[in-house]
Amino acid sequence: MSFYMFQWRYKDAALKAMVQHPQDRSEAARKAIEAYGGKLHHFFFAFGEFDGVAISEFPDTESATASALTIGAGGAASAINTTVLISTEEAMRAMEKAGSVQSGYTPPTA
């Protein structure tokens, strides 16, 4: 299974609702993730460009995408960003492969 990072910005109405009625949004996210065979590892509120971050694990990219679409279709977020996370072991294998394959690629030149 692969790891994914979801980042989102809440719409003003969603923020207002949470201020008026504080709620644990991690449980709602957990349900939307588990419905697609995923597992929620971490859920954070955040300062900065995004209001929240979740680290989750899914059996495949299609399942992660479906989960993000389900959450996005709920209408509480003004933006959702999904990032595939690569383990150190996967990155090392990719580095080894990049060093051993003769791809024929050449960068653009003037």
PDB file of N, CA and C in Angstrom:
ATOM      1  N   MET A   1       0.852  -1.178   0.000  1.00  0.00           N
ATOM      2  CA  MET A   1       0.000   0.000   0.000  1.00  0.00           C
ATOM      3  C   MET A   1       0.896   1.238   0.000  1.00  0.00           C
ATOM      4  N   SER A   2       0.402   2.289  -0.608  1.00  0.00           N
ATOM      5  CA  SER A   2       1.159   3.538  -0.712  1.00  0.00           C
ATOM      6  C   SER A   2       0.574   4.602   0.200  1.00  0.00           C
ATOM      7  N   PHE A   3       1.415   5.558   0.551  1.00  0.00           N
ATOM      8  CA  PHE A   3       1.002   6.661   1.412  1.00  0.00           C
ATOM      9  C   PHE A   3       0.667   7.897   0.577  1.00  0.00           C
ATOM     10  N   TYR A   4      -0.298   8.662   1.072  1.00  0.00           N
ATOM     11  CA  TYR A   4      -0.743   9.879   0.407  1.00  0.00           C
ATOM     12  C   TYR A   4      -0.923  10.966   1.452  1.00  0.00           C
ATOM     13  N   MET A   5      -0.627  12.188   1.050  1.00  0.00           N
ATOM     14  CA  MET A   5      -0.872  13.345   1.908  1.00  0.00           C
ATOM     15  C   MET A   5      -1.986  14.166   1.277  1.00  0.00           C
ATOM     16  N   PHE A   6      -3.061  14.346   2.022  1.00  0.00           N
ATOM     17  CA  PHE A   6      -4.142  15.238   1.607  1.00  0.00           C
ATOM     18  C   PHE A   6      -3.964  16.555   2.350  1.00  0.00           C
ATOM     19  N   GLN A   7      -4.087  17.656   1.637  1.00  0.00           N
ATOM     20  CA  GLN A   7      -4.077  18.992   2.237  1.00  0.00           C
ATOM     21  C   GLN A   7      -5.319  19.707   1.734  1.00  0.00           C
ATOM     22  N   TRP A   8      -5.948  20.505   2.593  1.00  0.00           N
ATOM     23  CA  TRP A   8      -7.178  21.184   2.187  1.00  0.00           C
ATOM     24  C   TRP A   8      -7.305  22.527   2.862  1.00  0.00           C
ATOM     25  N   ARG A   9      -8.117  23.353   2.207  1.00  0.00           N
ATOM     26  CA  ARG A   9      -8.538  24.651   2.745  1.00  0.00           C
ATOM     27  C   ARG A   9     -10.031  24.585   2.960  1.00  0.00           C
ATOM     28  N   TYR A  10     -10.481  24.940   4.149  1.00  0.00           N
ATOM     29  CA  TYR A  10     -11.914  24.978   4.412  1.00  0.00           C
ATOM     30  C   TYR A  10     -12.523  26.253   3.854  1.00  0.00           C
ATOM     31  N   LYS A  11     -13.756  26.169   3.393  1.00  0.00           N
ATOM     32  CA  LYS A  11     -14.522  27.353   3.015  1.00  0.00           C
ATOM     33  C   LYS A  11     -14.917  28.090   4.292  1.00  0.00           C
ATOM     34  N   ASP A  12     -15.203  29.378   4.151  1.00  0.00           N
ATOM     35  CA  ASP A  12     -15.578  30.192   5.309  1.00  0.00           C
ATOM     36  C   ASP A  12     -16.758  29.600   6.065  1.00  0.00           C
ATOM     37  N   ALA A  13     -17.743  29.089   5.359  1.00  0.00           N
ATOM     38  CA  ALA A  13     -18.932  28.525   6.016  1.00  0.00           C
ATOM     39  C   ALA A  13     -18.570  27.316   6.879  1.00  0.00           C
ATOM     40  N   ALA A  14     -17.625  26.508   6.415  1.00  0.00           N
ATOM     41  CA  ALA A  14     -17.202  25.338   7.191  1.00  0.00           C
ATOM     42  C   ALA A  14     -16.467  25.782   8.451  1.00  0.00           C
ATOM     43  N   LEU A  15     -15.596  26.790   8.326  1.00  0.00           N
ATOM     44  CA  LEU A  15     -14.892  27.305   9.503  1.00  0.00           C
ATOM     45  C   LEU A  15     -15.878  27.871  10.519  1.00  0.00           C
ATOM     46  N   LYS A  16     -16.861  28.611  10.026  1.00  0.00           N
ATOM     47  CA  LYS A  16     -17.875  29.191  10.904  1.00  0.00           C
ATOM     48  C   LYS A  16     -18.638  28.083  11.637  1.00  0.00           C
ATOM     49  N   ALA A  17     -18.997  27.035  10.927  1.00  0.00           N
ATOM     50  CA  ALA A  17     -19.722  25.919  11.542  1.00  0.00           C
ATOM     51  C   ALA A  17     -18.895  25.249  12.633  1.00  0.00           C
ATOM     52  N   MET A  18     -17.580  25.095  12.401  1.00  0.00           N
ATOM     53  CA  MET A  18     -16.725  24.457  13.403  1.00  0.00           C
ATOM     54  C   MET A  18     -16.511  25.350  14.624  1.00  0.00           C
ATOM     55  N   VAL A  19     -16.516  26.671  14.424  1.00  0.00           N
ATOM     56  CA  VAL A  19     -16.396  27.584  15.562  1.00  0.00           C
ATOM     57  C   VAL A  19     -17.681  27.545  16.388  1.00  0.00           C
ATOM     58  N   GLN A  20     -18.813  27.523  15.714  1.00  0.00           N
ATOM     59  CA  GLN A  20     -20.096  27.496  16.419  1.00  0.00           C
ATOM     60  C   GLN A  20     -20.366  26.145  17.074  1.00  0.00           C
ATOM     61  N   HIS A  21     -19.908  25.075  16.428  1.00  0.00           N
ATOM     62  CA  HIS A  21     -20.134  23.710  16.921  1.00  0.00           C
ATOM     63  C   HIS A  21     -18.837  22.913  16.749  1.00  0.00           C
ATOM     64  N   PRO A  22     -17.874  23.044  17.694  1.00  0.00           N
ATOM     65  CA  PRO A  22     -16.604  22.325  17.561  1.00  0.00           C
ATOM     66  C   PRO A  22     -16.838  20.825  17.334  1.00  0.00           C
ATOM     67  N   GLN A  23     -16.054  20.282  16.415  1.00  0.00           N
ATOM     68  CA  GLN A  23     -16.228  18.880  16.056  1.00  0.00           C
ATOM     69  C   GLN A  23     -14.913  18.253  15.640  1.00  0.00           C
ATOM     70  N   ASP A  24     -14.807  16.967  15.865  1.00  0.00           N
ATOM     71  CA  ASP A  24     -13.621  16.198  15.497  1.00  0.00           C
ATOM     72  C   ASP A  24     -13.772  15.758  14.046  1.00  0.00           C
ATOM     73  N   ARG A  25     -13.180  16.485  13.118  1.00  0.00           N
ATOM     74  CA  ARG A  25     -13.311  16.179  11.695  1.00  0.00           C
ATOM     75  C   ARG A  25     -12.493  14.953  11.286  1.00  0.00           C
ATOM     76  N   SER A  26     -11.585  14.507  12.145  1.00  0.00           N
ATOM     77  CA  SER A  26     -10.777  13.338  11.790  1.00  0.00           C
ATOM     78  C   SER A  26     -11.645  12.097  11.628  1.00  0.00           C
ATOM     79  N   GLU A  27     -12.721  11.994  12.383  1.00  0.00           N
ATOM     80  CA  GLU A  27     -13.584  10.820  12.262  1.00  0.00           C
ATOM     81  C   GLU A  27     -14.317  10.801  10.920  1.00  0.00           C
ATOM     82  N   ALA A  28     -14.739  11.965  10.458  1.00  0.00           N
ATOM     83  CA  ALA A  28     -15.383  12.033   9.141  1.00  0.00           C
ATOM     84  C   ALA A  28     -14.378  11.652   8.050  1.00  0.00           C
ATOM     85  N   ALA A  29     -13.148  12.147   8.171  1.00  0.00           N
ATOM     86  CA  ALA A  29     -12.106  11.800   7.197  1.00  0.00           C
ATOM     87  C   ALA A  29     -11.798  10.310   7.245  1.00  0.00           C
ATOM     88  N   ARG A  30     -11.713   9.774   8.460  1.00  0.00           N
ATOM     89  CA  ARG A  30     -11.421   8.341   8.617  1.00  0.00           C
ATOM     90  C   ARG A  30     -12.465   7.491   7.873  1.00  0.00           C
ATOM     91  N   LYS A  31     -13.737   7.831   8.027  1.00  0.00           N
ATOM     92  CA  LYS A  31     -14.804   7.076   7.355  1.00  0.00           C
ATOM     93  C   LYS A  31     -14.654   7.146   5.838  1.00  0.00           C
ATOM     94  N   ALA A  32     -14.352   8.341   5.314  1.00  0.00           N
ATOM     95  CA  ALA A  32     -14.207   8.511   3.863  1.00  0.00           C
ATOM     96  C   ALA A  32     -12.978   7.792   3.337  1.00  0.00           C
ATOM     97  N   ILE A  33     -11.967   7.655   4.141  1.00  0.00           N
ATOM     98  CA  ILE A  33     -10.740   6.953   3.733  1.00  0.00           C
ATOM     99  C   ILE A  33     -10.939   5.440   3.823  1.00  0.00           C
ATOM    100  N   GLU A  34     -11.504   4.978   4.936  1.00  0.00           N
ATOM    101  CA  GLU A  34     -11.701   3.542   5.119  1.00  0.00           C
ATOM    102  C   GLU A  34     -12.715   2.960   4.143  1.00  0.00           C
ATOM    103  N   ALA A  35     -13.663   3.775   3.681  1.00  0.00           N
ATOM    104  CA  ALA A  35     -14.650   3.300   2.706  1.00  0.00           C
ATOM    105  C   ALA A  35     -13.996   2.831   1.414  1.00  0.00           C
ATOM    106  N   TYR A  36     -12.798   3.326   1.139  1.00  0.00           N
ATOM    107  CA  TYR A  36     -12.073   2.957  -0.085  1.00  0.00           C
ATOM    108  C   TYR A  36     -10.866   2.076   0.211  1.00  0.00           C
ATOM    109  N   GLY A  37     -10.901   1.387   1.338  1.00  0.00           N
ATOM    110  CA  GLY A  37      -9.829   0.454   1.672  1.00  0.00           C
ATOM    111  C   GLY A  37      -8.592   1.108   2.236  1.00  0.00           C
ATOM    112  N   GLY A  38      -8.680   2.388   2.598  1.00  0.00           N
ATOM    113  CA  GLY A  38      -7.530   3.110   3.113  1.00  0.00           C
ATOM    114  C   GLY A  38      -7.457   3.100   4.628  1.00  0.00           C
ATOM    115  N   LYS A  39      -6.389   3.689   5.131  1.00  0.00           N
ATOM    116  CA  LYS A  39      -6.177   3.818   6.571  1.00  0.00           C
ATOM    117  C   LYS A  39      -5.682   5.228   6.860  1.00  0.00           C
ATOM    118  N   LEU A  40      -6.338   5.915   7.780  1.00  0.00           N
ATOM    119  CA  LEU A  40      -5.896   7.247   8.199  1.00  0.00           C
ATOM    120  C   LEU A  40      -4.838   7.081   9.272  1.00  0.00           C
ATOM    121  N   HIS A  41      -3.643   7.614   9.015  1.00  0.00           N
ATOM    122  CA  HIS A  41      -2.554   7.524   9.995  1.00  0.00           C
ATOM    123  C   HIS A  41      -2.477   8.778  10.857  1.00  0.00           C
ATOM    124  N   HIS A  42      -2.620   9.942  10.238  1.00  0.00           N
ATOM    125  CA  HIS A  42      -2.517  11.203  10.982  1.00  0.00           C
ATOM    126  C   HIS A  42      -3.485  12.219  10.396  1.00  0.00           C
ATOM    127  N   PHE A  43      -4.047  13.049  11.267  1.00  0.00           N
ATOM    128  CA  PHE A  43      -4.934  14.132  10.860  1.00  0.00           C
ATOM    129  C   PHE A  43      -4.547  15.355  11.667  1.00  0.00           C
ATOM    130  N   PHE A  44      -4.228  16.445  10.977  1.00  0.00           N
ATOM    131  CA  PHE A  44      -3.793  17.659  11.647  1.00  0.00           C
ATOM    132  C   PHE A  44      -4.540  18.875  11.124  1.00  0.00           C
ATOM    133  N   PHE A  45      -4.850  19.809  12.001  1.00  0.00           N
ATOM    134  CA  PHE A  45      -5.208  21.155  11.578  1.00  0.00           C
ATOM    135  C   PHE A  45      -3.882  21.882  11.408  1.00  0.00           C
ATOM    136  N   ALA A  46      -3.846  22.912  10.567  1.00  0.00           N
ATOM    137  CA  ALA A  46      -2.563  23.538  10.250  1.00  0.00           C
ATOM    138  C   ALA A  46      -2.718  25.037  10.054  1.00  0.00           C
ATOM    139  N   PHE A  47      -1.626  25.746  10.248  1.00  0.00           N
ATOM    140  CA  PHE A  47      -1.520  27.154   9.888  1.00  0.00           C
ATOM    141  C   PHE A  47      -0.825  27.224   8.540  1.00  0.00           C
ATOM    142  N   GLY A  48      -1.080  28.267   7.779  1.00  0.00           N
ATOM    143  CA  GLY A  48      -0.377  28.441   6.515  1.00  0.00           C
ATOM    144  C   GLY A  48      -1.301  28.318   5.331  1.00  0.00           C
ATOM    145  N   GLU A  49      -0.764  27.807   4.245  1.00  0.00           N
ATOM    146  CA  GLU A  49      -1.513  27.731   2.992  1.00  0.00           C
ATOM    147  C   GLU A  49      -2.734  26.818   3.104  1.00  0.00           C
ATOM    148  N   PHE A  50      -2.628  25.763   3.907  1.00  0.00           N
ATOM    149  CA  PHE A  50      -3.728  24.815   4.072  1.00  0.00           C
ATOM    150  C   PHE A  50      -4.194  24.796   5.521  1.00  0.00           C
ATOM    151  N   ASP A  51      -5.477  24.484   5.703  1.00  0.00           N
ATOM    152  CA  ASP A  51      -6.069  24.414   7.039  1.00  0.00           C
ATOM    153  C   ASP A  51      -5.906  23.044   7.681  1.00  0.00           C
ATOM    154  N   GLY A  52      -5.634  22.036   6.865  1.00  0.00           N
ATOM    155  CA  GLY A  52      -5.496  20.693   7.406  1.00  0.00           C
ATOM    156  C   GLY A  52      -4.629  19.812   6.548  1.00  0.00           C
ATOM    157  N   VAL A  53      -4.104  18.755   7.190  1.00  0.00           N
ATOM    158  CA  VAL A  53      -3.242  17.776   6.528  1.00  0.00           C
ATOM    159  C   VAL A  53      -3.604  16.393   7.067  1.00  0.00           C
ATOM    160  N   ALA A  54      -3.741  15.438   6.186  1.00  0.00           N
ATOM    161  CA  ALA A  54      -3.956  14.051   6.597  1.00  0.00           C
ATOM    162  C   ALA A  54      -2.951  13.166   5.874  1.00  0.00           C
ATOM    163  N   ILE A  55      -2.386  12.224   6.610  1.00  0.00           N
ATOM    164  CA  ILE A  55      -1.502  11.220   6.027  1.00  0.00           C
ATOM    165  C   ILE A  55      -2.281   9.916   6.062  1.00  0.00           C
ATOM    166  N   SER A  56      -2.442   9.322   4.899  1.00  0.00           N
ATOM    167  CA  SER A  56      -3.239   8.104   4.804  1.00  0.00           C
ATOM    168  C   SER A  56      -2.526   7.090   3.915  1.00  0.00           C
ATOM    169  N   GLU A  57      -3.037   5.884   3.952  1.00  0.00           N
ATOM    170  CA  GLU A  57      -2.462   4.790   3.175  1.00  0.00           C
ATOM    171  C   GLU A  57      -3.603   4.147   2.390  1.00  0.00           C
ATOM    172  N   PHE A  58      -3.366   3.871   1.110  1.00  0.00           N
ATOM    173  CA  PHE A  58      -4.384   3.268   0.249  1.00  0.00           C
ATOM    174  C   PHE A  58      -3.774   2.119  -0.545  1.00  0.00           C
ATOM    175  N   PRO A  59      -4.613   1.179  -0.965  1.00  0.00           N
ATOM    176  CA  PRO A  59      -4.098   0.068  -1.760  1.00  0.00           C
ATOM    177  C   PRO A  59      -3.660   0.480  -3.167  1.00  0.00           C
ATOM    178  N   ASP A  60      -4.221   1.609  -3.678  1.00  0.00           N
ATOM    179  CA  ASP A  60      -3.861   2.054  -5.020  1.00  0.00           C
ATOM    180  C   ASP A  60      -4.277   3.516  -5.198  1.00  0.00           C
ATOM    181  N   THR A  61      -3.770   4.129  -6.253  1.00  0.00           N
ATOM    182  CA  THR A  61      -4.041   5.541  -6.526  1.00  0.00           C
ATOM    183  C   THR A  61      -5.512   5.772  -6.841  1.00  0.00           C
ATOM    184  N   GLU A  62      -6.155   4.837  -7.503  1.00  0.00           N
ATOM    185  CA  GLU A  62      -7.573   4.983  -7.821  1.00  0.00           C
ATOM    186  C   GLU A  62      -8.409   5.119  -6.545  1.00  0.00           C
ATOM    187  N   SER A  63      -8.101   4.325  -5.540  1.00  0.00           N
ATOM    188  CA  SER A  63      -8.831   4.396  -4.272  1.00  0.00           C
ATOM    189  C   SER A  63      -8.569   5.715  -3.556  1.00  0.00           C
ATOM    190  N   ALA A  64      -7.323   6.173  -3.573  1.00  0.00           N
ATOM    191  CA  ALA A  64      -6.992   7.464  -2.958  1.00  0.00           C
ATOM    192  C   ALA A  64      -7.710   8.598  -3.665  1.00  0.00           C
ATOM    193  N   THR A  65      -7.765   8.531  -4.985  1.00  0.00           N
ATOM    194  CA  THR A  65      -8.449   9.553  -5.771  1.00  0.00           C
ATOM    195  C   THR A  65      -9.942   9.557  -5.481  1.00  0.00           C
ATOM    196  N   ALA A  66     -10.545   8.381  -5.418  1.00  0.00           N
ATOM    197  CA  ALA A  66     -11.978   8.283  -5.133  1.00  0.00           C
ATOM    198  C   ALA A  66     -12.298   8.867  -3.762  1.00  0.00           C
ATOM    199  N   SER A  67     -11.450   8.604  -2.786  1.00  0.00           N
ATOM    200  CA  SER A  67     -11.650   9.149  -1.449  1.00  0.00           C
ATOM    201  C   SER A  67     -11.567  10.674  -1.471  1.00  0.00           C
ATOM    202  N   ALA A  68     -10.562  11.214  -2.143  1.00  0.00           N
ATOM    203  CA  ALA A  68     -10.412  12.673  -2.246  1.00  0.00           C
ATOM    204  C   ALA A  68     -11.600  13.293  -2.971  1.00  0.00           C
ATOM    205  N   LEU A  69     -12.088  12.635  -4.006  1.00  0.00           N
ATOM    206  CA  LEU A  69     -13.264  13.141  -4.728  1.00  0.00           C
ATOM    207  C   LEU A  69     -14.501  13.145  -3.835  1.00  0.00           C
ATOM    208  N   THR A  70     -14.665  12.100  -3.045  1.00  0.00           N
ATOM    209  CA  THR A  70     -15.793  12.027  -2.123  1.00  0.00           C
ATOM    210  C   THR A  70     -15.745  13.173  -1.120  1.00  0.00           C
ATOM    211  N   ILE A  71     -14.590  13.403  -0.552  1.00  0.00           N
ATOM    212  CA  ILE A  71     -14.438  14.495   0.427  1.00  0.00           C
ATOM    213  C   ILE A  71     -14.654  15.837  -0.261  1.00  0.00           C
ATOM    214  N   GLY A  72     -14.064  16.025  -1.426  1.00  0.00           N
ATOM    215  CA  GLY A  72     -14.229  17.278  -2.161  1.00  0.00           C
ATOM    216  C   GLY A  72     -15.667  17.545  -2.558  1.00  0.00           C
ATOM    217  N   ALA A  73     -16.392  16.497  -2.922  1.00  0.00           N
ATOM    218  CA  ALA A  73     -17.787  16.651  -3.333  1.00  0.00           C
ATOM    219  C   ALA A  73     -18.685  17.063  -2.174  1.00  0.00           C
ATOM    220  N   GLY A  74     -18.194  16.907  -0.953  1.00  0.00           N
ATOM    221  CA  GLY A  74     -18.955  17.331   0.215  1.00  0.00           C
ATOM    222  C   GLY A  74     -19.132  18.834   0.293  1.00  0.00           C
ATOM    223  N   GLY A  75     -18.260  19.573  -0.371  1.00  0.00           N
ATOM    224  CA  GLY A  75     -18.408  21.018  -0.482  1.00  0.00           C
ATOM    225  C   GLY A  75     -17.832  21.862   0.639  1.00  0.00           C
ATOM    226  N   ALA A  76     -17.188  21.266   1.629  1.00  0.00           N
ATOM    227  CA  ALA A  76     -16.645  22.051   2.751  1.00  0.00           C
ATOM    228  C   ALA A  76     -15.273  22.651   2.448  1.00  0.00           C
ATOM    229  N   ALA A  77     -14.600  22.133   1.432  1.00  0.00           N
ATOM    230  CA  ALA A  77     -13.242  22.586   1.130  1.00  0.00           C
ATOM    231  C   ALA A  77     -13.219  23.445  -0.129  1.00  0.00           C
ATOM    232  N   SER A  78     -12.395  24.486  -0.091  1.00  0.00           N
ATOM    233  CA  SER A  78     -12.224  25.314  -1.285  1.00  0.00           C
ATOM    234  C   SER A  78     -11.068  24.802  -2.138  1.00  0.00           C
ATOM    235  N   ALA A  79     -10.222  23.954  -1.561  1.00  0.00           N
ATOM    236  CA  ALA A  79      -9.098  23.374  -2.303  1.00  0.00           C
ATOM    237  C   ALA A  79      -8.682  22.081  -1.618  1.00  0.00           C
ATOM    238  N   ILE A  80      -8.348  21.086  -2.420  1.00  0.00           N
ATOM    239  CA  ILE A  80      -7.798  19.836  -1.909  1.00  0.00           C
ATOM    240  C   ILE A  80      -6.582  19.501  -2.758  1.00  0.00           C
ATOM    241  N   ASN A  81      -5.486  19.189  -2.095  1.00  0.00           N
ATOM    242  CA  ASN A  81      -4.254  18.823  -2.778  1.00  0.00           C
ATOM    243  C   ASN A  81      -3.870  17.412  -2.324  1.00  0.00           C
ATOM    244  N   THR A  82      -3.558  16.542  -3.263  1.00  0.00           N
ATOM    245  CA  THR A  82      -3.153  15.178  -2.938  1.00  0.00           C
ATOM    246  C   THR A  82      -1.731  14.961  -3.426  1.00  0.00           C
ATOM    247  N   THR A  83      -0.880  14.454  -2.541  1.00  0.00           N
ATOM    248  CA  THR A  83       0.515  14.187  -2.868  1.00  0.00           C
ATOM    249  C   THR A  83       0.822  12.725  -2.580  1.00  0.00           C
ATOM    250  N   VAL A  84       1.381  12.025  -3.561  1.00  0.00           N
ATOM    251  CA  VAL A  84       1.837  10.659  -3.341  1.00  0.00           C
ATOM    252  C   VAL A  84       3.158  10.751  -2.581  1.00  0.00           C
ATOM    253  N   LEU A  85       3.252  10.016  -1.487  1.00  0.00           N
ATOM    254  CA  LEU A  85       4.469  10.016  -0.684  1.00  0.00           C
ATOM    255  C   LEU A  85       5.302   8.792  -1.032  1.00  0.00           C
ATOM    256  N   ILE A  86       6.604   8.981  -1.134  1.00  0.00           N
ATOM    257  CA  ILE A  86       7.514   7.917  -1.553  1.00  0.00           C
ATOM    258  C   ILE A  86       8.434   7.584  -0.386  1.00  0.00           C
ATOM    259  N   SER A  87       8.479   6.315  -0.023  1.00  0.00           N
ATOM    260  CA  SER A  87       9.330   5.895   1.093  1.00  0.00           C
ATOM    261  C   SER A  87      10.805   6.044   0.714  1.00  0.00           C
ATOM    262  N   THR A  88      11.646   6.051   1.713  1.00  0.00           N
ATOM    263  CA  THR A  88      13.091   6.126   1.473  1.00  0.00           C
ATOM    264  C   THR A  88      13.546   4.941   0.637  1.00  0.00           C
ATOM    265  N   GLU A  89      13.003   3.757   0.925  1.00  0.00           N
ATOM    266  CA  GLU A  89      13.392   2.557   0.181  1.00  0.00           C
ATOM    267  C   GLU A  89      13.008   2.676  -1.293  1.00  0.00           C
ATOM    268  N   GLU A  90      11.783   3.173  -1.557  1.00  0.00           N
ATOM    269  CA  GLU A  90      11.356   3.362  -2.947  1.00  0.00           C
ATOM    270  C   GLU A  90      12.233   4.394  -3.645  1.00  0.00           C
ATOM    271  N   ALA A  91      12.550   5.474  -2.951  1.00  0.00           N
ATOM    272  CA  ALA A  91      13.395   6.516  -3.539  1.00  0.00           C
ATOM    273  C   ALA A  91      14.788   5.970  -3.854  1.00  0.00           C
ATOM    274  N   MET A  92      15.325   5.156  -2.963  1.00  0.00           N
ATOM    275  CA  MET A  92      16.655   4.571  -3.199  1.00  0.00           C
ATOM    276  C   MET A  92      16.634   3.662  -4.426  1.00  0.00           C
ATOM    277  N   ARG A  93      15.577   2.850  -4.556  1.00  0.00           N
ATOM    278  CA  ARG A  93      15.472   1.984  -5.743  1.00  0.00           C
ATOM    279  C   ARG A  93      15.348   2.820  -7.012  1.00  0.00           C
ATOM    280  N   ALA A  94      14.598   3.909  -6.945  1.00  0.00           N
ATOM    281  CA  ALA A  94      14.461   4.796  -8.103  1.00  0.00           C
ATOM    282  C   ALA A  94      15.795   5.433  -8.462  1.00  0.00           C
ATOM    283  N   MET A  95      16.549   5.832  -7.448  1.00  0.00           N
ATOM    284  CA  MET A  95      17.880   6.423  -7.703  1.00  0.00           C
ATOM    285  C   MET A  95      18.800   5.415  -8.375  1.00  0.00           C
ATOM    286  N   GLU A  96      18.765   4.182  -7.876  1.00  0.00           N
ATOM    287  CA  GLU A  96      19.594   3.132  -8.477  1.00  0.00           C
ATOM    288  C   GLU A  96      19.180   2.883  -9.926  1.00  0.00           C
ATOM    289  N   LYS A  97      17.875   2.840 -10.167  1.00  0.00           N
ATOM    290  CA  LYS A  97      17.380   2.619 -11.520  1.00  0.00           C
ATOM    291  C   LYS A  97      17.783   3.777 -12.426  1.00  0.00           C
ATOM    292  N   ALA A  98      17.642   5.002 -11.939  1.00  0.00           N
ATOM    293  CA  ALA A  98      18.002   6.177 -12.742  1.00  0.00           C
ATOM    294  C   ALA A  98      19.490   6.169 -13.090  1.00  0.00           C
ATOM    295  N   GLY A  99      20.310   5.632 -12.186  1.00  0.00           N
ATOM    296  CA  GLY A  99      21.743   5.567 -12.445  1.00  0.00           C
ATOM    297  C   GLY A  99      22.156   4.431 -13.351  1.00  0.00           C
ATOM    298  N   SER A 100      21.286   3.442 -13.536  1.00  0.00           N
ATOM    299  CA  SER A 100      21.678   2.269 -14.317  1.00  0.00           C
ATOM    300  C   SER A 100      21.028   2.185 -15.695  1.00  0.00           C
ATOM    301  N   VAL A 101      19.996   2.959 -15.939  1.00  0.00           N
ATOM    302  CA  VAL A 101      19.285   2.885 -17.216  1.00  0.00           C
ATOM    303  C   VAL A 101      19.806   3.971 -18.157  1.00  0.00           C
ATOM    304  N   GLN A 102      20.069   3.598 -19.393  1.00  0.00           N
ATOM    305  CA  GLN A 102      20.475   4.539 -20.432  1.00  0.00           C
ATOM    306  C   GLN A 102      19.209   4.951 -21.194  1.00  0.00           C
ATOM    307  N   SER A 103      18.609   6.069 -20.806  1.00  0.00           N
ATOM    308  CA  SER A 103      17.316   6.443 -21.376  1.00  0.00           C
ATOM    309  C   SER A 103      17.438   7.163 -22.717  1.00  0.00           C
ATOM    310  N   GLY A 104      18.569   7.789 -22.979  1.00  0.00           N
ATOM    311  CA  GLY A 104      18.727   8.561 -24.200  1.00  0.00           C
ATOM    312  C   GLY A 104      18.204   9.987 -24.068  1.00  0.00           C
ATOM    313  N   TYR A 105      17.717  10.353 -22.882  1.00  0.00           N
ATOM    314  CA  TYR A 105      17.188  11.696 -22.653  1.00  0.00           C
ATOM    315  C   TYR A 105      18.319  12.714 -22.726  1.00  0.00           C
ATOM    316  N   THR A 106      18.031  13.848 -23.404  1.00  0.00           N
ATOM    317  CA  THR A 106      18.966  14.981 -23.399  1.00  0.00           C
ATOM    318  C   THR A 106      18.175  16.243 -23.028  1.00  0.00           C
ATOM    319  N   PRO A 107      18.766  17.093 -22.213  1.00  0.00           N
ATOM    320  CA  PRO A 107      18.063  18.323 -21.823  1.00  0.00           C
ATOM    321  C   PRO A 107      17.990  19.300 -22.989  1.00  0.00           C
ATOM    322  N   PRO A 108      17.051  20.231 -22.930  1.00  0.00           N
ATOM    323  CA  PRO A 108      16.976  21.235 -23.991  1.00  0.00           C
ATOM    324  C   PRO A 108      18.229  22.107 -24.001  1.00  0.00           C
ATOM    325  N   THR A 109      18.607  22.537 -25.181  1.00  0.00           N
ATOM    326  CA  THR A 109      19.782  23.407 -25.315  1.00  0.00           C
ATOM    327  C   THR A 109      19.413  24.603 -26.186  1.00  0.00           C
ATOM    328  N   ALA A 110      20.232  25.639 -26.095  1.00  0.00           N
ATOM    329  CA  ALA A 110      19.984  26.857 -26.882  1.00  0.00           C
ATOM    330  C   ALA A 110      20.549  26.709 -28.266  1.00  0.00           C
TER     331      ALA A 110
END
